[in-house]
C-alpha atoms as a PDB file:
ATOM      1  CA  UNK A   1       0.034   0.007   0.078  1.00  0.00           C
ATOM      2  CA  UNK A   2       1.051   3.588  -0.554  1.00  0.00           C
ATOM      3  CA  UNK A   3       1.759   6.416   1.905  1.00  0.00           C
ATOM      4  CA  UNK A   4      -0.894   8.893   3.225  1.00  0.00           C
ATOM      5  CA  UNK A   5       0.590  12.146   2.746  1.00  0.00           C
ATOM      6  CA  UNK A   6       1.263  14.483   5.634  1.00  0.00           C
ATOM      7  CA  UNK A   7       0.456  18.109   4.494  1.00  0.00           C
ATOM      8  CA  UNK A   8       1.114  21.296   6.516  1.00  0.00           C
ATOM      9  CA  UNK A   9      -1.339  24.184   5.805  1.00  0.00           C
ATOM     10  CA  UNK A  10      -0.337  27.748   7.067  1.00  0.00           C
ATOM     11  CA  UNK A  11      -2.255  30.912   7.026  1.00  0.00           C
ATOM     12  CA  UNK A  12      -2.241  34.348   9.111  1.00  0.00           C
ATOM     13  CA  UNK A  13      -5.422  33.266  10.532  1.00  0.00           C
ATOM     14  CA  UNK A  14      -8.690  31.584   9.492  1.00  0.00           C
ATOM     15  CA  UNK A  15      -8.438  32.391   5.739  1.00  0.00           C
ATOM     16  CA  UNK A  16      -6.598  29.354   5.097  1.00  0.00           C
ATOM     17  CA  UNK A  17      -9.302  27.080   6.172  1.00  0.00           C
ATOM     18  CA  UNK A  18     -11.021  27.849   2.984  1.00  0.00           C
ATOM     19  CA  UNK A  19      -8.094  26.376   1.208  1.00  0.00           C
ATOM     20  CA  UNK A  20      -7.998  23.368   3.747  1.00  0.00           C
ATOM     21  CA  UNK A  21     -11.634  22.652   2.747  1.00  0.00           C
ATOM     22  CA  UNK A  22     -10.697  22.464  -0.864  1.00  0.00           C
ATOM     23  CA  UNK A  23      -7.769  20.198  -0.395  1.00  0.00           C
ATOM     24  CA  UNK A  24      -9.851  17.737   1.894  1.00  0.00           C
ATOM     25  CA  UNK A  25     -12.527  17.580  -0.780  1.00  0.00           C
ATOM     26  CA  UNK A  26      -9.939  16.816  -3.432  1.00  0.00           C
ATOM     27  CA  UNK A  27      -7.672  14.535  -1.364  1.00  0.00           C
ATOM     28  CA  UNK A  28      -9.685  13.321   1.686  1.00  0.00           C
ATOM     29  CA  UNK A  29      -7.358  10.296   2.528  1.00  0.00           C
ATOM     30  CA  UNK A  30      -4.327  12.637   3.469  1.00  0.00           C
ATOM     31  CA  UNK A  31      -3.441  14.011   6.679  1.00  0.00           C
ATOM     32  CA  UNK A  32      -3.622  17.908   7.133  1.00  0.00           C
ATOM     33  CA  UNK A  33      -2.106  19.830   9.948  1.00  0.00           C
ATOM     34  CA  UNK A  34      -3.495  23.384  10.097  1.00  0.00           C
ATOM     35  CA  UNK A  35      -1.376  26.126  11.574  1.00  0.00           C
ATOM     36  CA  UNK A  36      -2.779  29.624  11.896  1.00  0.00           C
ATOM     37  CA  UNK A  37      -1.046  32.573  12.965  1.00  0.00           C
ATOM     38  CA  UNK A  38      -4.288  34.175  14.294  1.00  0.00           C
ATOM     39  CA  UNK A  39      -2.863  36.315  17.044  1.00  0.00           C
ATOM     40  CA  UNK A  40      -0.600  38.287  14.698  1.00  0.00           C
ATOM     41  CA  UNK A  41      -3.161  38.314  11.883  1.00  0.00           C
ATOM     42  CA  UNK A  42      -3.568  39.923   9.463  1.00  0.00           C
ATOM     43  CA  UNK A  43      -0.276  39.885   7.364  1.00  0.00           C
ATOM     44  CA  UNK A  44      -1.660  42.145   4.525  1.00  0.00           C
ATOM     45  CA  UNK A  45       0.215  45.462   5.838  1.00  0.00           C
ATOM     46  CA  UNK A  46       3.078  43.902   7.702  1.00  0.00           C
ATOM     47  CA  UNK A  47       6.743  44.479   6.559  1.00  0.00           C
ATOM     48  CA  UNK A  48       7.994  41.876   4.049  1.00  0.00           C
ATOM     49  CA  UNK A  49      10.789  40.776   6.382  1.00  0.00           C
ATOM     50  CA  UNK A  50       8.193  40.385   9.182  1.00  0.00           C
ATOM     51  CA  UNK A  51       6.022  38.311   7.162  1.00  0.00           C
ATOM     52  CA  UNK A  52       8.941  36.129   5.879  1.00  0.00           C
ATOM     53  CA  UNK A  53      10.022  35.433   9.431  1.00  0.00           C
ATOM     54  CA  UNK A  54       6.506  34.325  10.435  1.00  0.00           C
ATOM     55  CA  UNK A  55       6.188  31.937   7.441  1.00  0.00           C
ATOM     56  CA  UNK A  56       9.660  30.475   8.008  1.00  0.00           C
ATOM     57  CA  UNK A  57       8.754  29.878  11.735  1.00  0.00           C
ATOM     58  CA  UNK A  58       5.681  27.779  10.547  1.00  0.00           C
ATOM     59  CA  UNK A  59       7.558  26.000   7.861  1.00  0.00           C
ATOM     60  CA  UNK A  60      10.281  24.973  10.372  1.00  0.00           C
ATOM     61  CA  UNK A  61       7.499  23.358  12.609  1.00  0.00           C
ATOM     62  CA  UNK A  62       6.094  21.501   9.546  1.00  0.00           C
ATOM     63  CA  UNK A  63       9.713  20.203   8.659  1.00  0.00           C
ATOM     64  CA  UNK A  64       9.997  19.017  12.538  1.00  0.00           C
ATOM     65  CA  UNK A  65       6.839  16.997  11.874  1.00  0.00           C
ATOM     66  CA  UNK A  66       8.471  15.395   8.731  1.00  0.00           C
ATOM     67  CA  UNK A  67       5.620  16.761   6.308  1.00  0.00           C
ATOM     68  CA  UNK A  68       5.532  15.826   2.764  1.00  0.00           C
ATOM     69  CA  UNK A  69       4.463  19.153   1.490  1.00  0.00           C
ATOM     70  CA  UNK A  70       3.224  22.594   2.849  1.00  0.00           C
ATOM     71  CA  UNK A  71       0.750  24.932   1.566  1.00  0.00           C
ATOM     72  CA  UNK A  72       1.035  28.716   2.132  1.00  0.00           C
ATOM     73  CA  UNK A  73      -2.766  29.277   2.279  1.00  0.00           C
ATOM     74  CA  UNK A  74      -2.265  33.027   2.294  1.00  0.00           C
ATOM     75  CA  UNK A  75      -1.951  35.078  -0.878  1.00  0.00           C
ATOM     76  CA  UNK A  76       0.140  37.656   0.938  1.00  0.00           C
ATOM     77  CA  UNK A  77       2.669  35.207   2.267  1.00  0.00           C
ATOM     78  CA  UNK A  78       2.864  33.673  -1.220  1.00  0.00           C
ATOM     79  CA  UNK A  79       3.319  36.931  -2.904  1.00  0.00           C
ATOM     80  CA  UNK A  80       6.006  38.001  -0.407  1.00  0.00           C
ATOM     81  CA  UNK A  81       8.197  34.956   0.207  1.00  0.00           C
ATOM     82  CA  UNK A  82       7.134  31.797  -1.700  1.00  0.00           C
ATOM     83  CA  UNK A  83      10.249  31.557  -3.834  1.00  0.00           C
ATOM     84  CA  UNK A  84      12.540  32.343  -0.875  1.00  0.00           C
ATOM     85  CA  UNK A  85      10.997  29.766   1.261  1.00  0.00           C
ATOM     86  CA  UNK A  86      11.422  27.228  -1.346  1.00  0.00           C
ATOM     87  CA  UNK A  87      15.023  28.017  -1.507  1.00  0.00           C
ATOM     88  CA  UNK A  88      15.263  27.292   2.077  1.00  0.00           C
ATOM     89  CA  UNK A  89      13.167  24.261   2.634  1.00  0.00           C
ATOM     90  CA  UNK A  90      13.543  20.833   0.979  1.00  0.00           C
ATOM     91  CA  UNK A  91       9.959  19.828   1.084  1.00  0.00           C
ATOM     92  CA  UNK A  92       7.641  21.240  -1.785  1.00  0.00           C
ATOM     93  CA  UNK A  93       5.839  24.420  -0.846  1.00  0.00           C
ATOM     94  CA  UNK A  94       2.489  25.206  -2.779  1.00  0.00           C
ATOM     95  CA  UNK A  95       1.421  28.788  -2.721  1.00  0.00           C
ATOM     96  CA  UNK A  96      -2.051  30.447  -3.128  1.00  0.00           C
ATOM     97  CA  UNK A  97      -2.485  33.049  -6.005  1.00  0.00           C
ATOM     98  CA  UNK A  98      -5.371  34.952  -7.148  1.00  0.00           C
ATOM     99  CA  UNK A  99      -7.455  33.190  -9.898  1.00  0.00           C
ATOM    100  CA  UNK A 100      -6.653  35.871 -12.585  1.00  0.00           C
ATOM    101  CA  UNK A 101      -6.420  33.385 -15.557  1.00  0.00           C
ATOM    102  CA  UNK A 102     -10.030  31.804 -15.268  1.00  0.00           C
ATOM    103  CA  UNK A 103     -11.412  35.107 -14.603  1.00  0.00           C
ATOM    104  CA  UNK A 104      -9.542  36.670 -17.739  1.00  0.00           C
ATOM    105  CA  UNK A 105     -11.140  33.973 -19.720  1.00  0.00           C
ATOM    106  CA  UNK A 106     -14.597  34.491 -18.913  1.00  0.00           C
ATOM    107  CA  UNK A 107     -14.735  38.323 -18.311  1.00  0.00           C
ATOM    108  CA  UNK A 108     -13.902  41.655 -20.104  1.00  0.00           C
ATOM    109  CA  UNK A 109     -13.491  43.742 -17.062  1.00  0.00           C
ATOM    110  CA  UNK A 110     -11.881  42.171 -13.932  1.00  0.00           C
ATOM    111  CA  UNK A 111     -11.217  43.570 -10.513  1.00  0.00           C
ATOM    112  CA  UNK A 112      -8.770  42.000  -8.232  1.00  0.00           C
ATOM    113  CA  UNK A 113      -9.087  42.476  -4.447  1.00  0.00           C
ATOM    114  CA  UNK A 114      -6.230  42.045  -2.365  1.00  0.00           C
ATOM    115  CA  UNK A 115      -4.200  43.224   0.630  1.00  0.00           C
ATOM    116  CA  UNK A 116      -1.672  45.915   0.331  1.00  0.00           C
ATOM    117  CA  UNK A 117       1.475  43.712   0.171  1.00  0.00           C
ATOM    118  CA  UNK A 118      -0.131  41.460  -2.271  1.00  0.00           C
ATOM    119  CA  UNK A 119      -1.074  44.329  -4.780  1.00  0.00           C
ATOM    120  CA  UNK A 120       2.395  45.693  -4.636  1.00  0.00           C
ATOM    121  CA  UNK A 121       4.170  42.544  -5.203  1.00  0.00           C
ATOM    122  CA  UNK A 122       6.178  41.648  -8.163  1.00  0.00           C
ATOM    123  CA  UNK A 123       4.386  38.243  -8.299  1.00  0.00           C
ATOM    124  CA  UNK A 124       0.782  39.876  -8.820  1.00  0.00           C
ATOM    125  CA  UNK A 125       2.270  42.321 -11.193  1.00  0.00           C
ATOM    126  CA  UNK A 126       3.565  39.413 -13.425  1.00  0.00           C
ATOM    127  CA  UNK A 127       0.481  37.568 -13.220  1.00  0.00           C
ATOM    128  CA  UNK A 128      -1.697  40.463 -14.132  1.00  0.00           C
ATOM    129  CA  UNK A 129       0.648  41.315 -16.968  1.00  0.00           C
ATOM    130  CA  UNK A 130       0.364  37.668 -18.315  1.00  0.00           C
ATOM    131  CA  UNK A 131      -3.450  37.951 -18.900  1.00  0.00           C
ATOM    132  CA  UNK A 132      -3.903  41.778 -19.119  1.00  0.00           C
ATOM    133  CA  UNK A 133      -4.145  41.485 -23.160  1.00  0.00           C
ATOM    134  CA  UNK A 134      -7.189  39.246 -22.684  1.00  0.00           C
ATOM    135  CA  UNK A 135      -9.207  41.596 -20.434  1.00  0.00           C
ATOM    136  CA  UNK A 136      -9.264  44.865 -18.581  1.00  0.00           C
ATOM    137  CA  UNK A 137      -7.830  44.053 -15.127  1.00  0.00           C
ATOM    138  CA  UNK A 138      -7.855  46.477 -12.210  1.00  0.00           C
ATOM    139  CA  UNK A 139      -6.145  45.744  -8.826  1.00  0.00           C
ATOM    140  CA  UNK A 140      -7.281  47.374  -5.720  1.00  0.00           C
ATOM    141  CA  UNK A 141      -5.770  47.110  -2.427  1.00  0.00           C
ATOM    142  CA  UNK A 142      -8.003  46.635   0.770  1.00  0.00           C
ATOM    143  CA  UNK A 143      -6.348  47.919   3.921  1.00  0.00           C
ATOM    144  CA  UNK A 144      -8.623  46.504   6.558  1.00  0.00           C
ATOM    145  CA  UNK A 145     -11.066  43.919   5.137  1.00  0.00           C
ATOM    146  CA  UNK A 146      -8.794  40.915   6.099  1.00  0.00           C
ATOM    147  CA  UNK A 147      -8.807  41.947   9.631  1.00  0.00           C
ATOM    148  CA  UNK A 148     -12.773  42.645   9.663  1.00  0.00           C
ATOM    149  CA  UNK A 149     -13.368  39.216   8.355  1.00  0.00           C
ATOM    150  CA  UNK A 150     -11.469  37.664  10.899  1.00  0.00           C
ATOM    151  CA  UNK A 151     -13.306  39.488  13.607  1.00  0.00           C
ATOM    152  CA  UNK A 152     -16.627  38.839  11.802  1.00  0.00           C
ATOM    153  CA  UNK A 153     -16.189  35.038  11.643  1.00  0.00           C
ATOM    154  CA  UNK A 154     -14.379  34.437  14.816  1.00  0.00           C
ATOM    155  CA  UNK A 155     -16.130  36.978  17.156  1.00  0.00           C
ATOM    156  CA  UNK A 156     -19.314  37.550  15.404  1.00  0.00           C
ATOM    157  CA  UNK A 157     -18.415  41.419  14.900  1.00  0.00           C
ATOM    158  CA  UNK A 158     -20.658  43.212  12.323  1.00  0.00           C
ATOM    159  CA  UNK A 159     -18.981  43.615   8.992  1.00  0.00           C
ATOM    160  CA  UNK A 160     -20.316  46.052   6.341  1.00  0.00           C
ATOM    161  CA  UNK A 161     -18.745  45.399   2.945  1.00  0.00           C
ATOM    162  CA  UNK A 162     -19.835  48.827   1.725  1.00  0.00           C
ATOM    163  CA  UNK A 163     -17.036  50.385   4.107  1.00  0.00           C
ATOM    164  CA  UNK A 164     -14.377  48.304   2.320  1.00  0.00           C
ATOM    165  CA  UNK A 165     -15.096  47.591  -1.393  1.00  0.00           C
ATOM    166  CA  UNK A 166     -14.663  49.919  -4.056  1.00  0.00           C
ATOM    167  CA  UNK A 167     -17.676  50.948  -6.336  1.00  0.00           C
ATOM    168  CA  UNK A 168     -17.416  50.120 -10.119  1.00  0.00           C
ATOM    169  CA  UNK A 169     -18.783  47.786 -12.960  1.00  0.00           C
ATOM    170  CA  UNK A 170     -17.127  44.800 -13.471  1.00  0.00           C
ATOM    171  CA  UNK A 171     -17.652  41.364 -15.299  1.00  0.00           C
ATOM    172  CA  UNK A 172     -15.617  39.301 -12.823  1.00  0.00           C
ATOM    173  CA  UNK A 173     -14.144  39.731  -9.257  1.00  0.00           C
ATOM    174  CA  UNK A 174     -10.906  37.976  -8.238  1.00  0.00           C
ATOM    175  CA  UNK A 175     -10.414  37.508  -4.486  1.00  0.00           C
ATOM    176  CA  UNK A 176      -6.753  37.808  -3.607  1.00  0.00           C
ATOM    177  CA  UNK A 177      -7.085  37.122  -0.221  1.00  0.00           C
ATOM    178  CA  UNK A 178      -8.171  33.695   1.486  1.00  0.00           C
ATOM    179  CA  UNK A 179      -9.917  35.582   4.095  1.00  0.00           C
ATOM    180  CA  UNK A 180     -12.353  37.283   1.597  1.00  0.00           C
ATOM    181  CA  UNK A 181     -13.804  33.896   0.512  1.00  0.00           C
ATOM    182  CA  UNK A 182     -16.036  33.792   3.721  1.00  0.00           C
ATOM    183  CA  UNK A 183     -17.973  36.572   2.165  1.00  0.00           C
ATOM    184  CA  UNK A 184     -17.772  35.292  -1.553  1.00  0.00           C
ATOM    185  CA  UNK A 185     -21.479  35.442  -1.856  1.00  0.00           C
ATOM    186  CA  UNK A 186     -22.026  38.774  -0.485  1.00  0.00           C
ATOM    187  CA  UNK A 187     -19.259  40.190  -2.664  1.00  0.00           C
ATOM    188  CA  UNK A 188     -20.798  38.658  -5.832  1.00  0.00           C
ATOM    189  CA  UNK A 189     -24.090  40.284  -4.809  1.00  0.00           C
ATOM    190  CA  UNK A 190     -22.505  43.542  -4.209  1.00  0.00           C
ATOM    191  CA  UNK A 191     -21.025  43.806  -7.971  1.00  0.00           C
ATOM    192  CA  UNK A 192     -23.598  41.284  -9.540  1.00  0.00           C
ATOM    193  CA  UNK A 193     -20.821  39.688 -11.075  1.00  0.00           C
ATOM    194  CA  UNK A 194     -19.233  36.160 -10.728  1.00  0.00           C
ATOM    195  CA  UNK A 195     -16.433  35.935  -8.069  1.00  0.00           C
ATOM    196  CA  UNK A 196     -13.229  33.726  -8.435  1.00  0.00           C
ATOM    197  CA  UNK A 197     -11.100  32.528  -5.548  1.00  0.00           C
ATOM    198  CA  UNK A 198      -7.857  30.375  -5.844  1.00  0.00           C
ATOM    199  CA  UNK A 199      -8.799  27.746  -3.319  1.00  0.00           C
ATOM    200  CA  UNK A 200      -9.603  25.032  -5.775  1.00  0.00           C
ATOM    201  CA  UNK A 201      -6.407  25.970  -7.803  1.00  0.00           C
ATOM    202  CA  UNK A 202      -4.091  25.540  -4.852  1.00  0.00           C
ATOM    203  CA  UNK A 203      -5.584  22.176  -3.945  1.00  0.00           C
ATOM    204  CA  UNK A 204      -5.078  20.852  -7.589  1.00  0.00           C
ATOM    205  CA  UNK A 205      -1.625  22.279  -7.543  1.00  0.00           C
ATOM    206  CA  UNK A 206      -0.983  20.301  -4.338  1.00  0.00           C
ATOM    207  CA  UNK A 207      -2.473  17.085  -5.655  1.00  0.00           C
ATOM    208  CA  UNK A 208      -0.102  17.577  -8.696  1.00  0.00           C
ATOM    209  CA  UNK A 209       3.007  18.006  -6.507  1.00  0.00           C
ATOM    210  CA  UNK A 210       2.036  15.026  -4.370  1.00  0.00           C
ATOM    211  CA  UNK A 211       1.206  13.061  -7.387  1.00  0.00           C
ATOM    212  CA  UNK A 212       4.627  13.348  -8.921  1.00  0.00           C
ATOM    213  CA  UNK A 213       5.799  11.197  -5.964  1.00  0.00           C
ATOM    214  CA  UNK A 214       3.839   8.425  -7.484  1.00  0.00           C
ATOM    215  CA  UNK A 215       4.622   9.330 -11.062  1.00  0.00           C
ATOM    216  CA  UNK A 216       1.280  10.863 -11.855  1.00  0.00           C
ATOM    217  CA  UNK A 217       1.525  13.667 -14.335  1.00  0.00           C
ATOM    218  CA  UNK A 218      -0.881  16.847 -14.320  1.00  0.00           C
ATOM    219  CA  UNK A 219      -0.859  19.666 -16.853  1.00  0.00           C
ATOM    220  CA  UNK A 220      -2.662  22.871 -17.906  1.00  0.00           C
ATOM    221  CA  UNK A 221      -1.012  25.502 -15.750  1.00  0.00           C
ATOM    222  CA  UNK A 222      -3.727  27.996 -14.382  1.00  0.00           C
ATOM    223  CA  UNK A 223      -1.342  30.723 -13.065  1.00  0.00           C
ATOM    224  CA  UNK A 224       2.546  31.322 -12.610  1.00  0.00           C
ATOM    225  CA  UNK A 225       3.526  28.461 -10.841  1.00  0.00           C
ATOM    226  CA  UNK A 226       1.113  27.457  -8.072  1.00  0.00           C
ATOM    227  CA  UNK A 227      -2.209  26.787  -9.743  1.00  0.00           C
ATOM    228  CA  UNK A 228      -3.084  23.717 -12.020  1.00  0.00           C
ATOM    229  CA  UNK A 229      -6.090  22.204 -13.455  1.00  0.00           C
ATOM    230  CA  UNK A 230      -6.395  18.591 -14.679  1.00  0.00           C
ATOM    231  CA  UNK A 231      -8.910  15.757 -15.598  1.00  0.00           C
ATOM    232  CA  UNK A 232      -7.518  12.957 -13.145  1.00  0.00           C
ATOM    233  CA  UNK A 233      -9.109  12.235  -9.893  1.00  0.00           C
ATOM    234  CA  UNK A 234      -7.392  11.972  -6.722  1.00  0.00           C
ATOM    235  CA  UNK A 235      -7.593   8.196  -6.727  1.00  0.00           C
ATOM    236  CA  UNK A 236      -4.444   6.461  -7.405  1.00  0.00           C
ATOM    237  CA  UNK A 237      -1.931   7.930  -5.081  1.00  0.00           C
ATOM    238  CA  UNK A 238      -3.723   8.253  -1.630  1.00  0.00           C
ATOM    239  CA  UNK A 239      -3.315   5.348   0.559  1.00  0.00           C
ATOM    240  CA  UNK A 240      -3.553   4.431   4.314  1.00  0.00           C
ATOM    241  CA  UNK A 241       0.005   4.356   5.876  1.00  0.00           C
ATOM    242  CA  UNK A 242       0.978   7.721   7.601  1.00  0.00           C
ATOM    243  CA  UNK A 243       4.705   8.291   8.028  1.00  0.00           C
ATOM    244  CA  UNK A 244       6.117  10.506  11.095  1.00  0.00           C
ATOM    245  CA  UNK A 245       4.647  10.858  14.507  1.00  0.00           C
ATOM    246  CA  UNK A 246       1.320  12.659  15.099  1.00  0.00           C
ATOM    247  CA  UNK A 247       1.618  15.565  17.377  1.00  0.00           C
ATOM    248  CA  UNK A 248       0.345  15.094  20.588  1.00  0.00           C
ATOM    249  CA  UNK A 249      -2.467  17.066  22.547  1.00  0.00           C
ATOM    250  CA  UNK A 250      -3.437  18.865  19.324  1.00  0.00           C
ATOM    251  CA  UNK A 251      -6.996  19.899  18.257  1.00  0.00           C
ATOM    252  CA  UNK A 252      -8.470  17.214  16.086  1.00  0.00           C
ATOM    253  CA  UNK A 253     -11.612  17.783  14.049  1.00  0.00           C
ATOM    254  CA  UNK A 254     -14.467  15.415  13.665  1.00  0.00           C
ATOM    255  CA  UNK A 255     -12.805  14.728  10.338  1.00  0.00           C
ATOM    256  CA  UNK A 256     -10.138  12.450  11.917  1.00  0.00           C
ATOM    257  CA  UNK A 257      -7.562  13.524   9.000  1.00  0.00           C
ATOM    258  CA  UNK A 258      -7.336  17.051  10.133  1.00  0.00           C
ATOM    259  CA  UNK A 259      -5.275  18.265  12.998  1.00  0.00           C
ATOM    260  CA  UNK A 260      -5.209  21.786  14.292  1.00  0.00           C
ATOM    261  CA  UNK A 261      -1.718  22.881  15.759  1.00  0.00           C
ATOM    262  CA  UNK A 262      -0.481  26.022  17.342  1.00  0.00           C
ATOM    263  CA  UNK A 263      -1.792  28.585  19.824  1.00  0.00           C
ATOM    264  CA  UNK A 264      -4.928  29.235  17.954  1.00  0.00           C
ATOM    265  CA  UNK A 265      -5.782  25.540  17.430  1.00  0.00           C
ATOM    266  CA  UNK A 266      -9.092  25.853  19.165  1.00  0.00           C
ATOM    267  CA  UNK A 267     -10.181  28.836  17.191  1.00  0.00           C
ATOM    268  CA  UNK A 268      -9.471  27.341  13.975  1.00  0.00           C
ATOM    269  CA  UNK A 269     -11.012  24.014  14.702  1.00  0.00           C
ATOM    270  CA  UNK A 270     -14.275  25.690  15.894  1.00  0.00           C
ATOM    271  CA  UNK A 271     -14.432  27.862  12.766  1.00  0.00           C
ATOM    272  CA  UNK A 272     -13.775  24.827  10.507  1.00  0.00           C
ATOM    273  CA  UNK A 273     -16.217  22.785  11.986  1.00  0.00           C
ATOM    274  CA  UNK A 274     -18.801  25.524  11.882  1.00  0.00           C
ATOM    275  CA  UNK A 275     -18.287  26.539   8.437  1.00  0.00           C
ATOM    276  CA  UNK A 276     -17.227  23.491   6.631  1.00  0.00           C
ATOM    277  CA  UNK A 277     -18.468  20.568   8.359  1.00  0.00           C
ATOM    278  CA  UNK A 278     -21.744  21.023   9.832  1.00  0.00           C
END
């Protein structure tokens, strides 16, 4: 029998739970270890060096757990330091990037909503430039929406999207922050336009990365180097023998393949079960 892959998933807070959900749907047999840095969230306005230090700290923990791969379920972390982290760690690191390509294929006027650090990154600039000939793309930095979403979902604080979203007429909206996905339907209603997020693309890229360990090839790049699409199912490389030790005394969801670790494990476990299991 083959191995069950151990995957570490990291985000500044609850945003990455949306990516975790997509990974579980696509590859339910794997073991997922979710680490949220909720008490230092959000990352969107922090200095790049500080963001990189936080990400490195999380990846060191995944390395100590003998993870087979890690997912940066944070657009800001991916934009700021994905390549740097890949040069420092031997296991595969999958990033999360805005779903600009699928939006550009369907829409003539696209609005990309993201954090300040993501919008100013070279990574997003290159991604937008790649598809700018296909449609008109506008990038807008949202200073406080990620923090407002964290407060709304975790503490029930009221959130008025009108205080954060820019006005305009667009054919498609791209969510460049995993936190925003919690209000995907509301954002869709605000603009009366379809909304695209990168969660599914990230899950497919993770499957591609893990599939290479079993000589399964995937194709059709959806972004720069982090999002893929394919026609194969998850069957064929997931199995039932987990390598390495499970962390002790960590939060475990009702889905026994998901383990919540870190100081905010109870918060993230509760939100995941409320939003994605019940």
